[in-house]
Every structure is written in structure tokens, then in C-alpha cells.
Amino acid sequence: MIEQSSDAAYGPLSELQTALIRHIETVAPGLQQIRSIELQRAEPALVTAHRLYGDIQRTADLISRNNISHPGFIPAGHALEVLL
């Protein structure tokens, strides 16, 4: 997109892009990362959220992120996407 901008806009857009990349590199170490885990045994989503995060308030994110159809039962052996 920046390559298709006018000559007058190219400089400011390039500076903005550079500033954005620097900002992301600065804050990235403090951000949570998406990881994949596999449960060793079946358990409820509430238990998984508490075990991973120490916070049952994150159960809804765990359920929606992994499209869990029945939150009372997450089967073992399936990859789960989690924020750690």
C-alpha cells in the first residue's frame, strides 16, 4: 500500500510504518504469546482455565478461542490454543 502512495505521502507513511514497527518491538516482550497445548486428561474448561491462568474469568476466552462445544468436557489429546 505504501508503495502505491503519492510522492508527498510516501515519506510520512514510511516514517509512521517505522515508528509502528519500533513500538511493536518495544511492547512485544510483555505481550502474551499464543501457544498450543495438549491436555493429558479430559477436564472441564473451568478447571483448565484455573490451572493455566489461575483465573476462572478466562474460561470464556478459552472456550471461544478453541470452539469448545461442551465446556464441561475438553477431551484429552486435542491441541488447544492458549495465551501464555
Protein backbone atom coordinates (compact mmCIF):
# COMPACT_ATOMS: atom_id res chain seq x y z
CA MET A 1 0.00 0.00 0.00
CA ILE A 2 2.76 2.42 0.92
CA GLU A 3 4.41 1.77 -2.45
CA GLN A 4 1.24 2.94 -4.21
CA SER A 5 1.03 6.25 -2.34
CA SER A 6 1.87 9.62 -3.85
CA ASP A 7 5.39 11.02 -3.56
CA ALA A 8 4.18 13.55 -0.97
CA ALA A 9 2.60 10.86 1.20
CA TYR A 10 5.38 8.28 0.90
CA GLY A 11 7.75 9.95 3.40
CA PRO A 12 5.22 10.39 6.22
CA LEU A 13 3.77 6.91 5.67
CA SER A 14 7.24 5.39 5.73
CA GLU A 15 8.06 7.20 8.99
CA LEU A 16 4.76 6.04 10.50
CA GLN A 17 5.46 2.46 9.45
CA THR A 18 8.93 2.59 11.02
CA ALA A 19 7.55 4.08 14.26
CA LEU A 20 4.86 1.39 14.44
CA ILE A 21 7.36 -1.41 13.97
CA ARG A 22 9.63 0.05 16.67
CA HIS A 23 6.68 0.36 19.07
CA ILE A 24 5.62 -3.24 18.48
CA GLU A 25 9.17 -4.44 19.07
CA THR A 26 9.23 -2.45 22.33
CA VAL A 27 5.97 -3.81 23.75
CA ALA A 28 6.09 -7.33 22.27
CA PRO A 29 8.16 -8.89 25.08
CA GLY A 30 5.39 -8.04 27.56
CA LEU A 31 2.56 -9.42 25.43
CA GLN A 32 1.14 -12.87 25.87
CA GLN A 33 2.00 -15.39 23.21
CA ILE A 34 -0.28 -17.89 21.55
CA ARG A 35 0.81 -21.42 22.39
CA SER A 36 -0.55 -24.83 21.62
CA ILE A 37 -1.01 -27.31 24.46
CA GLU A 38 -2.47 -30.78 24.69
CA LEU A 39 -4.37 -31.96 27.73
CA GLN A 40 -3.17 -35.21 29.25
CA ARG A 41 -6.65 -35.98 30.59
CA ALA A 42 -10.15 -34.74 29.91
CA GLU A 43 -11.30 -31.90 32.13
CA PRO A 44 -13.83 -29.04 32.27
CA ALA A 45 -12.87 -25.72 30.67
CA LEU A 46 -13.22 -24.05 34.08
CA VAL A 47 -10.55 -26.34 35.52
CA THR A 48 -8.27 -25.79 32.52
CA ALA A 49 -8.57 -22.00 32.80
CA HIS A 50 -7.82 -22.11 36.52
CA ARG A 51 -4.85 -24.43 36.06
CA LEU A 52 -3.34 -22.41 33.19
CA TYR A 53 -4.12 -18.87 34.29
CA GLY A 54 -5.10 -19.09 37.95
CA ASP A 55 -8.22 -17.21 36.87
CA ILE A 56 -11.60 -18.73 36.05
CA GLN A 57 -12.64 -15.44 34.41
CA ARG A 58 -10.58 -16.51 31.38
CA THR A 59 -12.75 -19.59 30.77
CA ALA A 60 -14.87 -17.81 28.12
CA ASP A 61 -11.76 -16.90 26.11
CA LEU A 62 -10.52 -20.48 26.28
CA ILE A 63 -13.90 -21.77 25.09
CA SER A 64 -14.30 -19.32 22.21
CA ARG A 65 -10.64 -19.47 21.08
CA ASN A 66 -10.88 -23.25 20.73
CA ASN A 67 -14.50 -23.57 19.61
CA ILE A 68 -15.26 -25.90 22.51
CA SER A 69 -18.77 -27.26 22.06
CA HIS A 70 -19.23 -28.53 25.62
CA PRO A 71 -17.32 -26.53 28.26
CA GLY A 72 -17.87 -29.24 30.85
CA PHE A 73 -15.67 -31.61 28.90
CA ILE A 74 -12.49 -30.85 26.97
CA PRO A 75 -11.15 -34.16 25.67
CA ALA A 76 -7.54 -35.14 26.15
CA GLY A 77 -5.18 -35.38 23.22
CA HIS A 78 -6.52 -32.43 21.21
CA ALA A 79 -4.41 -29.33 20.64
CA LEU A 80 -5.70 -26.22 22.42
CA GLU A 81 -4.69 -22.68 21.56
CA VAL A 82 -3.93 -20.71 24.72
CA LEU A 83 -2.38 -17.36 25.64
CA LEU A 84 0.65 -17.69 27.90
